[in-house]
């Protein structure tokens, strides 16, 4: 997940002994609910630390702050998200914890492809592209390979989870 274009800011990196139990917890309905409830606290920590610290960092979960422009308000909207990095691109999945509706940030990216990410104290302007077809499947499979939580999310909803590529502007 390291790249020249984007910094690797995970704290603990992968911890094999914790991976299975943490995946099982995060994949459960209670775990998803708990993580969703912790997100506002994590957002505050990420904001105050300029994207350097996250409550999920010690377990190696790669997180960034994505800032989009609200499609209805025109105001900046910031969301902490798990990401993957490959070559010079970041990837995001609009899982919304397997809820019925797409996350607001994904609608914002469809309306305005320009956004920014904050990683390790560095704000990086990006341009988003929603992936389709084989490329979408390949990247989604990488997320599932990293954590089965994404596969669990697909069983909770009938919608296709949106997958985005972010390129540096």
Protein backbone atom coordinates (compact mmCIF):
# COMPACT_ATOMS: atom_id res chain seq x y z
CA UNK A 1 0.00 0.00 0.00
CA UNK A 2 2.96 2.38 -0.15
CA UNK A 3 3.36 4.82 -3.00
CA UNK A 4 5.52 7.74 -4.07
CA UNK A 5 2.42 9.83 -4.76
CA UNK A 6 0.77 9.28 -1.38
CA UNK A 7 2.37 8.82 2.06
CA UNK A 8 1.94 5.58 4.02
CA UNK A 9 0.59 6.83 7.33
CA UNK A 10 -0.62 3.63 8.99
CA UNK A 11 0.61 3.36 12.58
CA UNK A 12 0.82 -0.32 13.29
CA UNK A 13 0.75 -1.73 9.79
CA UNK A 14 -0.57 -5.25 9.54
CA UNK A 15 -0.66 -7.30 12.72
CA UNK A 16 -1.42 -10.90 11.70
CA UNK A 17 -2.38 -12.07 15.21
CA UNK A 18 -5.06 -9.39 15.55
CA UNK A 19 -6.32 -9.50 11.96
CA UNK A 20 -8.78 -12.42 12.22
CA UNK A 21 -10.51 -11.39 15.44
CA UNK A 22 -10.65 -7.74 14.39
CA UNK A 23 -12.06 -8.67 10.97
CA UNK A 24 -14.69 -10.85 12.66
CA UNK A 25 -15.65 -8.01 15.01
CA UNK A 26 -15.75 -5.38 12.24
CA UNK A 27 -17.79 -7.71 10.01
CA UNK A 28 -20.48 -8.27 12.63
CA UNK A 29 -23.54 -6.05 12.79
CA UNK A 30 -22.56 -4.94 16.29
CA UNK A 31 -18.98 -4.22 15.18
CA UNK A 32 -20.20 -2.14 12.24
CA UNK A 33 -22.57 -0.26 14.54
CA UNK A 34 -19.76 0.34 17.05
CA UNK A 35 -17.31 1.57 14.40
CA UNK A 36 -20.00 3.83 12.93
CA UNK A 37 -20.61 5.31 16.41
CA UNK A 38 -16.85 5.83 16.94
CA UNK A 39 -16.40 7.60 13.61
CA UNK A 40 -17.31 11.09 14.95
CA UNK A 41 -14.70 10.71 17.71
CA UNK A 42 -12.15 9.50 15.19
CA UNK A 43 -13.01 12.40 12.86
CA UNK A 44 -12.21 14.85 15.67
CA UNK A 45 -8.89 13.14 16.41
CA UNK A 46 -7.97 13.05 12.71
CA UNK A 47 -8.91 16.73 12.31
CA UNK A 48 -7.02 17.88 15.39
CA UNK A 49 -3.92 15.89 14.41
CA UNK A 50 -4.03 16.96 10.73
CA UNK A 51 -4.67 13.39 9.64
CA UNK A 52 -1.74 12.00 11.64
CA UNK A 53 -3.62 10.13 14.38
CA UNK A 54 -6.64 7.86 14.34
CA UNK A 55 -8.20 5.64 16.98
CA UNK A 56 -8.06 2.83 14.41
CA UNK A 57 -4.36 3.39 13.61
CA UNK A 58 -2.76 1.00 16.07
CA UNK A 59 -4.36 -1.96 14.30
CA UNK A 60 -2.96 -0.85 10.97
CA UNK A 61 -6.16 0.31 9.30
CA UNK A 62 -5.18 2.84 6.64
CA UNK A 63 -7.35 5.93 7.12
CA UNK A 64 -7.49 9.31 5.44
CA UNK A 65 -9.71 12.34 5.61
CA UNK A 66 -11.58 12.93 2.35
CA UNK A 67 -12.94 16.44 1.80
CA UNK A 68 -15.59 16.80 -0.88
CA UNK A 69 -17.90 19.65 -1.82
CA UNK A 70 -21.46 19.00 -0.68
CA UNK A 71 -23.63 18.63 -3.75
CA UNK A 72 -26.61 20.29 -2.07
CA UNK A 73 -24.89 22.85 0.17
CA UNK A 74 -21.69 23.62 -1.72
CA UNK A 75 -19.92 23.44 1.65
CA UNK A 76 -16.82 21.32 2.36
CA UNK A 77 -17.64 17.90 3.84
CA UNK A 78 -14.92 15.82 5.50
CA UNK A 79 -15.16 12.08 6.10
CA UNK A 80 -12.63 9.59 7.52
CA UNK A 81 -12.32 6.59 5.18
CA UNK A 82 -10.36 3.40 4.82
CA UNK A 83 -8.32 3.37 1.64
CA UNK A 84 -5.98 1.24 -0.41
CA UNK A 85 -3.07 2.50 -2.44
CA UNK A 86 -1.73 0.93 -5.62
CA UNK A 87 0.90 2.55 -7.79
CA UNK A 88 0.04 6.26 -7.83
CA UNK A 89 -3.67 5.90 -7.02
CA UNK A 90 -5.80 5.72 -3.92
CA UNK A 91 -8.97 3.64 -3.85
CA UNK A 92 -12.10 4.03 -1.74
CA UNK A 93 -15.22 1.88 -1.36
CA UNK A 94 -18.58 3.47 -0.60
CA UNK A 95 -19.66 0.69 1.74
CA UNK A 96 -21.52 2.84 4.26
CA UNK A 97 -21.23 -0.17 6.60
CA UNK A 98 -23.58 -2.15 4.33
CA UNK A 99 -26.49 0.23 4.83
CA UNK A 100 -29.19 0.55 2.15
CA UNK A 101 -28.09 3.95 0.86
CA UNK A 102 -24.85 5.15 -0.70
CA UNK A 103 -22.70 7.37 1.53
CA UNK A 104 -23.10 11.12 1.00
CA UNK A 105 -19.41 11.53 0.10
CA UNK A 106 -19.88 9.24 -2.92
CA UNK A 107 -22.75 11.37 -4.22
CA UNK A 108 -20.56 14.44 -3.71
CA UNK A 109 -17.75 12.88 -5.78
CA UNK A 110 -20.17 12.02 -8.57
CA UNK A 111 -21.32 15.63 -8.66
CA UNK A 112 -17.84 17.19 -8.35
CA UNK A 113 -14.82 14.98 -9.08
CA UNK A 114 -12.34 17.36 -7.43
CA UNK A 115 -11.64 16.73 -3.75
CA UNK A 116 -8.74 16.55 -1.33
CA UNK A 117 -7.32 14.00 1.08
CA UNK A 118 -5.47 14.67 4.31
CA UNK A 119 -2.87 12.04 5.13
CA UNK A 120 -0.13 12.36 7.72
CA UNK A 121 -0.50 16.13 7.92
CA UNK A 122 -0.32 16.56 4.14
CA UNK A 123 -3.32 17.85 2.20
CA UNK A 124 -3.33 16.45 -1.32
CA UNK A 125 -5.71 17.62 -4.07
CA UNK A 126 -7.24 14.67 -5.95
CA UNK A 127 -9.60 13.90 -8.80
CA UNK A 128 -12.05 11.02 -8.36
CA UNK A 129 -13.22 8.50 -10.92
CA UNK A 130 -15.91 5.93 -10.19
CA UNK A 131 -14.72 2.52 -11.36
CA UNK A 132 -16.86 0.10 -13.31
CA UNK A 133 -16.57 -3.36 -14.82
CA UNK A 134 -13.44 -5.44 -14.39
CA UNK A 135 -11.38 -2.67 -12.82
CA UNK A 136 -14.04 -2.10 -10.18
CA UNK A 137 -14.21 -5.83 -9.43
CA UNK A 138 -10.42 -6.15 -9.20
CA UNK A 139 -10.10 -3.29 -6.72
CA UNK A 140 -13.11 -4.41 -4.68
CA UNK A 141 -11.56 -7.89 -4.47
CA UNK A 142 -8.39 -6.29 -3.06
CA UNK A 143 -10.47 -4.68 -0.29
CA UNK A 144 -12.12 -8.04 0.45
CA UNK A 145 -8.71 -9.71 0.50
CA UNK A 146 -7.49 -7.10 2.98
CA UNK A 147 -10.53 -7.53 5.22
CA UNK A 148 -13.58 -9.71 4.70
CA UNK A 149 -15.69 -6.94 6.20
CA UNK A 150 -16.35 -5.59 2.70
CA UNK A 151 -17.74 -8.94 1.60
CA UNK A 152 -20.04 -8.92 4.63
CA UNK A 153 -21.28 -5.45 3.68
CA UNK A 154 -22.41 -6.74 0.27
CA UNK A 155 -24.61 -9.32 1.99
CA UNK A 156 -26.42 -6.57 3.94
CA UNK A 157 -27.54 -4.49 0.99
CA UNK A 158 -28.87 -4.92 -2.53
CA UNK A 159 -26.97 -1.93 -3.91
CA UNK A 160 -23.63 -2.18 -5.68
CA UNK A 161 -20.95 -0.65 -3.50
CA UNK A 162 -19.31 2.22 -5.35
CA UNK A 163 -15.54 2.05 -5.84
CA UNK A 164 -13.53 5.19 -6.60
CA UNK A 165 -9.99 5.81 -7.79
CA UNK A 166 -8.31 9.01 -6.64
CA UNK A 167 -5.50 10.54 -8.67
CA UNK A 168 -3.33 13.44 -7.60
CA UNK A 169 -4.30 16.70 -9.35
